[in-house]
Amino acid sequence: MTTRELYHSVGLTTSDITKIDDPTFVWVIAAFANRADEPAAAFSDFGSALNLVKRVNAFVEGGVGLRPVLKSTNKLKTDRYKRLVDVGLTPYMVSFNNNRNGIELIDDLSGNLDELSVDMLMRNLNRIGETMPVDLSDNLYGTFWAPNGHLAIKKAKVFKAVLDSLKDKRPVEFV
């Protein structure tokens, strides 16, 4: 595949390609399906953004695209995930499905590429718990950054073990 074909495969137009070295633009990534206008990450460096898109496109159904956005109109924190991308990590979306008794990779790109943490989950559960009961036996989704899917699942299992150990220690009722 030529460079031009690669660029077009990730949704770049000829006009977009001319902006690669233009410092007034950042590069945003978003899943092609359903979220074309909701990017997940922004990068000042085209190469980092392209590397992430190539890695994520290996498993995201429907693919992930890349497009330039003026720095002045970008609403995302630029380069938030650059270090993770540059060391070779990929954001895998993981589902904790207690009904099917397992942890599995989801072939999608999460709208939030922040890695799932107990602190983040507790903040969200406390916010949700104010209006509805919290039931972790239903699907729980989150992003885990890892060099491959196998290690992302291992990280998710460790997270689940930590979460399970905290169930009896939180005022939020876990089911």
N, C-alpha and C. Protein backbone atom coordinates (compact mmCIF):
# COMPACT_ATOMS: atom_id res chain seq x y z
N MET A 1 0.85 -1.17 0.00
CA MET A 1 0.00 0.00 0.00
C MET A 1 0.90 1.24 0.00
N THR A 2 0.62 2.15 -0.91
CA THR A 2 1.40 3.38 -0.97
C THR A 2 1.00 4.30 0.18
N THR A 3 1.81 5.30 0.42
CA THR A 3 1.51 6.27 1.48
C THR A 3 0.19 6.96 1.20
N ARG A 4 -0.03 7.34 -0.04
CA ARG A 4 -1.28 8.03 -0.41
C ARG A 4 -2.48 7.11 -0.17
N GLU A 5 -2.35 5.84 -0.52
CA GLU A 5 -3.44 4.88 -0.29
C GLU A 5 -3.69 4.71 1.21
N LEU A 6 -2.63 4.68 1.99
CA LEU A 6 -2.78 4.58 3.45
C LEU A 6 -3.54 5.79 3.98
N TYR A 7 -3.14 6.97 3.55
CA TYR A 7 -3.81 8.19 4.00
C TYR A 7 -5.29 8.17 3.64
N HIS A 8 -5.60 7.76 2.43
CA HIS A 8 -7.00 7.71 2.02
C HIS A 8 -7.77 6.63 2.80
N SER A 9 -7.11 5.55 3.16
CA SER A 9 -7.79 4.48 3.91
C SER A 9 -8.19 4.91 5.32
N VAL A 10 -7.54 5.95 5.83
CA VAL A 10 -7.91 6.45 7.16
C VAL A 10 -8.75 7.72 7.05
N GLY A 11 -9.29 7.97 5.86
CA GLY A 11 -10.26 9.04 5.68
C GLY A 11 -9.69 10.39 5.31
N LEU A 12 -8.40 10.47 5.01
CA LEU A 12 -7.82 11.76 4.65
C LEU A 12 -8.07 12.07 3.18
N THR A 13 -8.48 13.29 2.93
CA THR A 13 -8.67 13.76 1.56
C THR A 13 -7.36 14.38 1.07
N THR A 14 -7.31 14.69 -0.21
CA THR A 14 -6.13 15.35 -0.76
C THR A 14 -5.91 16.68 -0.06
N SER A 15 -6.97 17.39 0.23
CA SER A 15 -6.87 18.66 0.96
C SER A 15 -6.32 18.44 2.37
N ASP A 16 -6.75 17.37 3.05
CA ASP A 16 -6.25 17.07 4.40
C ASP A 16 -4.75 16.80 4.37
N ILE A 17 -4.31 16.08 3.34
CA ILE A 17 -2.90 15.68 3.24
C ILE A 17 -2.00 16.92 3.14
N THR A 18 -2.48 17.97 2.53
CA THR A 18 -1.67 19.20 2.41
C THR A 18 -1.47 19.88 3.76
N LYS A 19 -2.23 19.51 4.77
CA LYS A 19 -2.15 20.13 6.10
C LYS A 19 -1.21 19.39 7.05
N ILE A 20 -0.57 18.33 6.59
CA ILE A 20 0.27 17.51 7.47
C ILE A 20 1.34 18.32 8.18
N ASP A 21 1.97 19.24 7.51
CA ASP A 21 3.03 20.03 8.14
C ASP A 21 2.57 21.42 8.60
N ASP A 22 1.28 21.66 8.59
CA ASP A 22 0.73 22.96 8.96
C ASP A 22 0.53 23.00 10.48
N PRO A 23 1.27 23.84 11.20
CA PRO A 23 1.18 23.87 12.67
C PRO A 23 -0.12 24.47 13.21
N THR A 24 -0.99 24.99 12.34
CA THR A 24 -2.26 25.53 12.83
C THR A 24 -3.32 24.45 12.99
N PHE A 25 -2.96 23.20 12.64
CA PHE A 25 -3.90 22.09 12.74
C PHE A 25 -3.43 21.05 13.74
N VAL A 26 -4.40 20.38 14.36
CA VAL A 26 -4.14 19.17 15.15
C VAL A 26 -4.83 18.03 14.42
N TRP A 27 -4.45 16.81 14.79
CA TRP A 27 -5.00 15.62 14.13
C TRP A 27 -5.86 14.87 15.12
N VAL A 28 -7.14 14.69 14.77
CA VAL A 28 -8.07 14.00 15.66
C VAL A 28 -8.41 12.64 15.08
N ILE A 29 -8.66 11.69 16.00
CA ILE A 29 -9.08 10.36 15.57
C ILE A 29 -10.47 10.09 16.10
N ALA A 30 -11.24 9.35 15.30
CA ALA A 30 -12.60 8.98 15.69
C ALA A 30 -12.99 7.73 14.91
N ALA A 31 -13.85 6.92 15.52
CA ALA A 31 -14.37 5.75 14.82
C ALA A 31 -15.23 6.23 13.66
N PHE A 32 -15.12 5.57 12.52
CA PHE A 32 -15.93 5.95 11.36
C PHE A 32 -17.41 5.76 11.65
N ALA A 33 -17.76 4.64 12.28
CA ALA A 33 -19.17 4.32 12.51
C ALA A 33 -19.74 5.17 13.65
N ASN A 34 -20.76 5.92 13.35
CA ASN A 34 -21.58 6.65 14.33
C ASN A 34 -20.92 7.83 15.03
N ARG A 35 -19.61 7.95 15.04
CA ARG A 35 -19.00 9.02 15.82
C ARG A 35 -18.04 9.88 15.00
N ALA A 36 -18.35 10.07 13.76
CA ALA A 36 -17.45 10.84 12.90
C ALA A 36 -17.22 12.25 13.45
N ASP A 37 -18.20 12.80 14.15
CA ASP A 37 -18.06 14.15 14.70
C ASP A 37 -17.64 14.15 16.16
N GLU A 38 -17.40 12.99 16.75
CA GLU A 38 -17.00 12.90 18.14
C GLU A 38 -15.62 12.27 18.26
N PRO A 39 -14.57 13.05 18.06
CA PRO A 39 -13.23 12.46 18.13
C PRO A 39 -12.89 12.01 19.55
N ALA A 40 -12.01 11.01 19.62
CA ALA A 40 -11.59 10.46 20.91
C ALA A 40 -10.28 11.04 21.38
N ALA A 41 -9.45 11.54 20.47
CA ALA A 41 -8.14 12.05 20.84
C ALA A 41 -7.66 13.05 19.80
N ALA A 42 -6.78 13.95 20.25
CA ALA A 42 -6.19 14.95 19.36
C ALA A 42 -4.67 14.94 19.57
N PHE A 43 -3.95 15.06 18.45
CA PHE A 43 -2.49 15.04 18.49
C PHE A 43 -1.93 16.21 17.69
N SER A 44 -0.87 16.81 18.19
CA SER A 44 -0.20 17.86 17.42
C SER A 44 0.70 17.23 16.37
N ASP A 45 1.13 16.01 16.61
CA ASP A 45 2.04 15.31 15.71
C ASP A 45 1.26 14.34 14.82
N PHE A 46 1.31 14.55 13.51
CA PHE A 46 0.60 13.70 12.57
C PHE A 46 1.07 12.24 12.69
N GLY A 47 2.36 12.03 12.84
CA GLY A 47 2.91 10.67 12.91
C GLY A 47 2.36 9.87 14.08
N SER A 48 2.25 10.50 15.25
CA SER A 48 1.69 9.80 16.41
C SER A 48 0.23 9.44 16.17
N ALA A 49 -0.52 10.39 15.63
CA ALA A 49 -1.94 10.13 15.35
C ALA A 49 -2.09 8.99 14.34
N LEU A 50 -1.28 9.00 13.30
CA LEU A 50 -1.36 7.96 12.28
C LEU A 50 -0.97 6.60 12.86
N ASN A 51 0.06 6.56 13.69
CA ASN A 51 0.46 5.29 14.33
C ASN A 51 -0.67 4.72 15.17
N LEU A 52 -1.34 5.57 15.93
CA LEU A 52 -2.46 5.09 16.75
C LEU A 52 -3.58 4.57 15.86
N VAL A 53 -3.92 5.31 14.82
CA VAL A 53 -5.00 4.89 13.92
C VAL A 53 -4.67 3.54 13.28
N LYS A 54 -3.44 3.37 12.84
CA LYS A 54 -3.06 2.09 12.22
C LYS A 54 -3.20 0.94 13.22
N ARG A 55 -2.77 1.14 14.46
CA ARG A 55 -2.88 0.07 15.46
C ARG A 55 -4.34 -0.23 15.79
N VAL A 56 -5.13 0.80 15.98
CA VAL A 56 -6.53 0.61 16.36
C VAL A 56 -7.33 0.01 15.21
N ASN A 57 -7.00 0.35 13.99
CA ASN A 57 -7.71 -0.20 12.83
C ASN A 57 -7.51 -1.70 12.68
N ALA A 58 -6.54 -2.25 13.37
CA ALA A 58 -6.33 -3.70 13.32
C ALA A 58 -7.46 -4.46 14.01
N PHE A 59 -8.23 -3.79 14.88
CA PHE A 59 -9.29 -4.51 15.60
C PHE A 59 -10.63 -3.80 15.67
N VAL A 60 -10.72 -2.54 15.32
CA VAL A 60 -11.99 -1.82 15.42
C VAL A 60 -12.84 -2.08 14.19
N GLU A 61 -14.03 -2.62 14.42
CA GLU A 61 -14.96 -2.88 13.33
C GLU A 61 -15.40 -1.56 12.72
N GLY A 62 -15.33 -1.45 11.43
CA GLY A 62 -15.72 -0.22 10.76
C GLY A 62 -14.58 0.77 10.62
N GLY A 63 -13.52 0.59 11.38
CA GLY A 63 -12.33 1.41 11.26
C GLY A 63 -12.38 2.73 12.00
N VAL A 64 -11.21 3.32 12.05
CA VAL A 64 -11.01 4.60 12.72
C VAL A 64 -10.38 5.54 11.71
N GLY A 65 -10.82 6.79 11.73
CA GLY A 65 -10.31 7.77 10.80
C GLY A 65 -9.49 8.84 11.47
N LEU A 66 -8.85 9.61 10.64
CA LEU A 66 -7.97 10.69 11.08
C LEU A 66 -8.34 11.92 10.26
N ARG A 67 -8.40 13.07 10.91
CA ARG A 67 -8.69 14.29 10.16
C ARG A 67 -8.07 15.50 10.85
N PRO A 68 -7.75 16.52 10.06
CA PRO A 68 -7.20 17.74 10.65
C PRO A 68 -8.32 18.63 11.18
N VAL A 69 -8.02 19.29 12.29
CA VAL A 69 -8.94 20.25 12.89
C VAL A 69 -8.10 21.46 13.29
N LEU A 70 -8.61 22.63 13.05
CA LEU A 70 -7.89 23.83 13.46
C LEU A 70 -7.64 23.80 14.97
N LYS A 71 -6.43 24.13 15.37
CA LYS A 71 -6.12 24.17 16.81
C LYS A 71 -7.10 25.04 17.57
N SER A 72 -7.48 26.13 16.97
CA SER A 72 -8.37 27.09 17.64
C SER A 72 -9.78 26.54 17.88
N THR A 73 -10.20 25.53 17.12
CA THR A 73 -11.54 24.97 17.30
C THR A 73 -11.53 23.61 17.99
N ASN A 74 -10.36 23.04 18.21
CA ASN A 74 -10.24 21.73 18.87
C ASN A 74 -10.70 21.84 20.32
N LYS A 75 -11.57 20.95 20.74
CA LYS A 75 -12.10 20.96 22.11
C LYS A 75 -11.44 19.92 23.00
N LEU A 76 -10.62 19.05 22.43
CA LEU A 76 -9.95 18.01 23.20
C LEU A 76 -8.59 18.47 23.68
N LYS A 77 -8.13 17.87 24.77
CA LYS A 77 -6.77 18.14 25.24
C LYS A 77 -5.81 17.50 24.23
N THR A 78 -4.99 18.32 23.62
CA THR A 78 -4.06 17.84 22.61
C THR A 78 -2.91 17.07 23.26
N ASP A 79 -2.55 15.96 22.65
CA ASP A 79 -1.42 15.12 23.06
C ASP A 79 -1.60 14.44 24.42
N ARG A 80 -2.82 14.34 24.87
CA ARG A 80 -3.11 13.67 26.15
C ARG A 80 -2.60 12.23 26.17
N TYR A 81 -2.66 11.54 25.03
CA TYR A 81 -2.28 10.13 24.95
C TYR A 81 -0.99 9.91 24.15
N LYS A 82 -0.29 10.99 23.82
CA LYS A 82 0.89 10.89 22.96
C LYS A 82 1.95 9.98 23.57
N ARG A 83 2.24 10.13 24.83
CA ARG A 83 3.27 9.30 25.46
C ARG A 83 2.92 7.82 25.38
N LEU A 84 1.65 7.50 25.63
CA LEU A 84 1.21 6.11 25.56
C LEU A 84 1.37 5.55 24.14
N VAL A 85 1.00 6.35 23.16
CA VAL A 85 1.11 5.93 21.76
C VAL A 85 2.58 5.77 21.38
N ASP A 86 3.41 6.72 21.78
CA ASP A 86 4.81 6.70 21.39
C ASP A 86 5.58 5.51 21.99
N VAL A 87 5.13 4.97 23.12
CA VAL A 87 5.80 3.79 23.68
C VAL A 87 5.19 2.49 23.15
N GLY A 88 4.21 2.60 22.26
CA GLY A 88 3.67 1.42 21.60
C GLY A 88 2.41 0.83 22.21
N LEU A 89 1.73 1.58 23.06
CA LEU A 89 0.49 1.06 23.66
C LEU A 89 -0.71 1.42 22.80
N THR A 90 -1.75 0.62 22.94
CA THR A 90 -2.99 0.77 22.18
C THR A 90 -4.16 0.77 23.16
N PRO A 91 -5.18 1.61 22.93
CA PRO A 91 -6.34 1.63 23.83
C PRO A 91 -7.36 0.55 23.44
N TYR A 92 -7.43 -0.49 24.24
CA TYR A 92 -8.38 -1.57 23.98
C TYR A 92 -9.62 -1.34 24.82
N MET A 93 -10.78 -1.45 24.20
CA MET A 93 -12.04 -1.35 24.93
C MET A 93 -12.38 -2.74 25.43
N VAL A 94 -12.64 -2.83 26.73
CA VAL A 94 -12.89 -4.12 27.38
C VAL A 94 -14.27 -4.11 28.02
N SER A 95 -14.94 -5.24 27.93
CA SER A 95 -16.25 -5.40 28.56
C SER A 95 -16.13 -6.42 29.68
N PHE A 96 -16.65 -6.04 30.85
CA PHE A 96 -16.75 -6.97 31.98
C PHE A 96 -18.19 -7.44 31.97
N ASN A 97 -18.44 -8.62 31.45
CA ASN A 97 -19.80 -9.09 31.31
C ASN A 97 -20.03 -10.23 32.29
N ASN A 98 -20.62 -9.91 33.44
CA ASN A 98 -20.88 -10.93 34.46
C ASN A 98 -21.95 -11.92 34.02
N ASN A 99 -22.87 -11.48 33.16
CA ASN A 99 -23.91 -12.39 32.70
C ASN A 99 -23.33 -13.54 31.87
N ARG A 100 -22.26 -13.24 31.14
CA ARG A 100 -21.58 -14.27 30.36
C ARG A 100 -20.32 -14.74 31.06
N ASN A 101 -20.11 -14.24 32.26
CA ASN A 101 -19.00 -14.67 33.10
C ASN A 101 -17.64 -14.46 32.44
N GLY A 102 -17.39 -13.27 31.94
CA GLY A 102 -16.10 -13.07 31.32
C GLY A 102 -15.72 -11.64 31.06
N ILE A 103 -14.49 -11.49 30.66
CA ILE A 103 -13.92 -10.22 30.26
C ILE A 103 -13.53 -10.39 28.80
N GLU A 104 -13.99 -9.47 27.96
CA GLU A 104 -13.69 -9.63 26.54
C GLU A 104 -13.37 -8.30 25.89
N LEU A 105 -12.59 -8.37 24.82
CA LEU A 105 -12.28 -7.19 24.04
C LEU A 105 -13.48 -6.84 23.17
N ILE A 106 -13.74 -5.56 23.03
CA ILE A 106 -14.81 -5.07 22.17
C ILE A 106 -14.15 -4.45 20.95
N ASP A 107 -14.68 -4.74 19.77
CA ASP A 107 -14.07 -4.24 18.54
C ASP A 107 -14.60 -2.85 18.20
N ASP A 108 -14.35 -1.92 19.12
CA ASP A 108 -14.79 -0.55 18.96
C ASP A 108 -13.78 0.36 19.64
N LEU A 109 -13.87 1.64 19.34
CA LEU A 109 -13.04 2.65 19.98
C LEU A 109 -13.91 3.40 20.96
N SER A 110 -13.51 3.42 22.19
CA SER A 110 -14.27 4.14 23.20
C SER A 110 -14.19 5.64 22.93
N GLY A 111 -15.23 6.35 23.29
CA GLY A 111 -15.21 7.80 23.18
C GLY A 111 -14.30 8.43 24.21
N ASN A 112 -13.96 7.67 25.25
CA ASN A 112 -13.06 8.13 26.30
C ASN A 112 -11.88 7.17 26.35
N LEU A 113 -10.71 7.65 25.99
CA LEU A 113 -9.53 6.80 25.96
C LEU A 113 -8.77 6.78 27.28
N ASP A 114 -9.30 7.45 28.31
CA ASP A 114 -8.67 7.37 29.62
C ASP A 114 -8.80 5.94 30.14
N GLU A 115 -7.71 5.43 30.72
CA GLU A 115 -7.76 4.07 31.24
C GLU A 115 -8.70 4.00 32.43
N LEU A 116 -9.50 2.96 32.46
CA LEU A 116 -10.44 2.75 33.54
C LEU A 116 -9.67 2.57 34.84
N SER A 117 -10.06 3.31 35.84
CA SER A 117 -9.42 3.21 37.16
C SER A 117 -10.51 3.12 38.21
N VAL A 118 -10.15 2.64 39.38
CA VAL A 118 -11.12 2.54 40.47
C VAL A 118 -11.61 3.93 40.82
N ASP A 119 -10.72 4.90 40.87
CA ASP A 119 -11.11 6.26 41.21
C ASP A 119 -12.12 6.82 40.21
N MET A 120 -11.85 6.64 38.91
CA MET A 120 -12.77 7.11 37.88
C MET A 120 -14.12 6.41 38.01
N LEU A 121 -14.09 5.10 38.20
CA LEU A 121 -15.32 4.34 38.32
C LEU A 121 -16.12 4.79 39.54
N MET A 122 -15.46 5.00 40.65
CA MET A 122 -16.17 5.41 41.88
C MET A 122 -16.80 6.79 41.71
N ARG A 123 -16.09 7.70 41.07
CA ARG A 123 -16.68 9.03 40.82
C ARG A 123 -17.94 8.89 39.98
N ASN A 124 -17.85 8.07 38.91
CA ASN A 124 -19.02 7.88 38.04
C ASN A 124 -20.14 7.16 38.77
N LEU A 125 -19.82 6.15 39.56
CA LEU A 125 -20.86 5.41 40.29
C LEU A 125 -21.53 6.29 41.33
N ASN A 126 -20.77 7.12 42.01
CA ASN A 126 -21.37 8.02 43.00
C ASN A 126 -22.30 9.01 42.33
N ARG A 127 -21.93 9.48 41.15
CA ARG A 127 -22.78 10.41 40.40
C ARG A 127 -24.04 9.69 39.93
N ILE A 128 -23.87 8.48 39.36
CA ILE A 128 -25.01 7.70 38.87
C ILE A 128 -25.88 7.24 40.04
N GLY A 129 -25.26 6.82 41.13
CA GLY A 129 -25.98 6.29 42.28
C GLY A 129 -26.93 7.27 42.92
N GLU A 130 -26.73 8.54 42.64
CA GLU A 130 -27.63 9.54 43.20
C GLU A 130 -29.01 9.47 42.56
N THR A 131 -29.08 8.95 41.34
CA THR A 131 -30.37 8.95 40.64
C THR A 131 -30.90 7.56 40.35
N MET A 132 -30.05 6.55 40.44
CA MET A 132 -30.50 5.21 40.13
C MET A 132 -29.63 4.20 40.88
N PRO A 133 -30.13 3.01 41.16
CA PRO A 133 -29.30 2.01 41.82
C PRO A 133 -28.17 1.56 40.90
N VAL A 134 -27.03 1.24 41.51
CA VAL A 134 -25.86 0.81 40.76
C VAL A 134 -25.80 -0.70 40.79
N ASP A 135 -25.68 -1.29 39.60
CA ASP A 135 -25.62 -2.74 39.49
C ASP A 135 -24.44 -3.12 38.60
N LEU A 136 -23.35 -3.56 39.22
CA LEU A 136 -22.16 -3.92 38.45
C LEU A 136 -22.26 -5.31 37.84
N SER A 137 -23.38 -6.00 38.03
CA SER A 137 -23.53 -7.30 37.38
C SER A 137 -23.89 -7.12 35.90
N ASP A 138 -24.33 -5.91 35.54
CA ASP A 138 -24.56 -5.61 34.14
C ASP A 138 -23.22 -5.30 33.47
N ASN A 139 -23.26 -5.03 32.20
CA ASN A 139 -22.02 -4.75 31.48
C ASN A 139 -21.34 -3.50 32.00
N LEU A 140 -20.04 -3.61 32.17
CA LEU A 140 -19.19 -2.49 32.52
C LEU A 140 -18.12 -2.44 31.43
N TYR A 141 -17.93 -1.27 30.85
CA TYR A 141 -16.96 -1.10 29.78
C TYR A 141 -15.86 -0.17 30.24
N GLY A 142 -14.69 -0.35 29.68
CA GLY A 142 -13.60 0.56 29.98
C GLY A 142 -12.44 0.38 29.02
N THR A 143 -11.56 1.35 29.02
CA THR A 143 -10.38 1.31 28.17
C THR A 143 -9.17 0.89 28.98
N PHE A 144 -8.36 0.03 28.41
CA PHE A 144 -7.10 -0.38 29.01
C PHE A 144 -6.02 -0.27 27.94
N TRP A 145 -4.98 0.48 28.24
CA TRP A 145 -3.86 0.66 27.32
C TRP A 145 -2.87 -0.46 27.53
N ALA A 146 -2.50 -1.13 26.43
CA ALA A 146 -1.56 -2.25 26.50
C ALA A 146 -0.91 -2.44 25.13
N PRO A 147 0.21 -3.19 25.09
CA PRO A 147 0.85 -3.44 23.79
C PRO A 147 0.07 -4.41 22.91
N ASN A 148 -0.82 -5.22 23.53
CA ASN A 148 -1.64 -6.15 22.74
C ASN A 148 -2.91 -6.47 23.52
N GLY A 149 -3.84 -7.10 22.84
CA GLY A 149 -5.13 -7.42 23.45
C GLY A 149 -5.03 -8.37 24.63
N HIS A 150 -4.12 -9.32 24.54
CA HIS A 150 -3.94 -10.29 25.63
C HIS A 150 -3.55 -9.57 26.93
N LEU A 151 -2.62 -8.64 26.85
CA LEU A 151 -2.21 -7.90 28.05
C LEU A 151 -3.29 -6.93 28.52
N ALA A 152 -4.10 -6.41 27.60
CA ALA A 152 -5.22 -5.55 28.00
C ALA A 152 -6.21 -6.35 28.84
N ILE A 153 -6.47 -7.58 28.45
CA ILE A 153 -7.37 -8.44 29.22
C ILE A 153 -6.76 -8.75 30.58
N LYS A 154 -5.45 -9.00 30.64
CA LYS A 154 -4.79 -9.24 31.93
C LYS A 154 -4.93 -8.03 32.85
N LYS A 155 -4.73 -6.82 32.30
CA LYS A 155 -4.90 -5.61 33.10
C LYS A 155 -6.34 -5.49 33.59
N ALA A 156 -7.29 -5.84 32.73
CA ALA A 156 -8.70 -5.77 33.11
C ALA A 156 -9.02 -6.76 34.23
N LYS A 157 -8.40 -7.94 34.19
CA LYS A 157 -8.61 -8.93 35.25
C LYS A 157 -8.07 -8.44 36.58
N VAL A 158 -6.92 -7.78 36.56
CA VAL A 158 -6.36 -7.21 37.79
C VAL A 158 -7.30 -6.11 38.31
N PHE A 159 -7.78 -5.27 37.40
CA PHE A 159 -8.72 -4.22 37.79
C PHE A 159 -9.97 -4.83 38.44
N LYS A 160 -10.49 -5.87 37.81
CA LYS A 160 -11.70 -6.53 38.34
C LYS A 160 -11.44 -7.11 39.72
N ALA A 161 -10.26 -7.70 39.94
CA ALA A 161 -9.92 -8.25 41.25
C ALA A 161 -9.86 -7.14 42.30
N VAL A 162 -9.28 -6.01 41.94
CA VAL A 162 -9.23 -4.87 42.87
C VAL A 162 -10.64 -4.39 43.16
N LEU A 163 -11.44 -4.28 42.13
CA LEU A 163 -12.82 -3.83 42.29
C LEU A 163 -13.61 -4.78 43.19
N ASP A 164 -13.44 -6.08 42.96
CA ASP A 164 -14.13 -7.07 43.79
C ASP A 164 -13.71 -6.97 45.25
N SER A 165 -12.43 -6.68 45.50
CA SER A 165 -11.95 -6.58 46.87
C SER A 165 -12.50 -5.33 47.58
N LEU A 166 -12.93 -4.35 46.80
CA LEU A 166 -13.46 -3.11 47.37
C LEU A 166 -14.97 -3.14 47.59
N LYS A 167 -15.64 -4.14 47.07
CA LYS A 167 -17.10 -4.18 47.14
C LYS A 167 -17.64 -4.02 48.55
N ASP A 168 -17.03 -4.67 49.50
CA ASP A 168 -17.51 -4.62 50.88
C ASP A 168 -17.09 -3.35 51.61
N LYS A 169 -16.23 -2.57 51.01
CA LYS A 169 -15.69 -1.39 51.68
C LYS A 169 -16.31 -0.09 51.22
N ARG A 170 -17.22 -0.11 50.25
CA ARG A 170 -17.82 1.10 49.72
C ARG A 170 -19.26 1.24 50.17
N PRO A 171 -19.70 2.46 50.43
CA PRO A 171 -21.09 2.68 50.78
C PRO A 171 -22.04 2.47 49.59
N VAL A 172 -21.51 2.53 48.36
CA VAL A 172 -22.35 2.27 47.19
C VAL A 172 -22.66 0.78 47.18
N GLU A 173 -23.92 0.44 46.97
CA GLU A 173 -24.31 -0.97 46.99
C GLU A 173 -23.98 -1.62 45.65
N PHE A 174 -23.11 -2.62 45.69
CA PHE A 174 -22.76 -3.39 44.50
C PHE A 174 -23.58 -4.65 44.49
N VAL A 175 -24.11 -4.98 43.33
CA VAL A 175 -24.90 -6.22 43.20
C VAL A 175 -24.13 -7.22 42.41
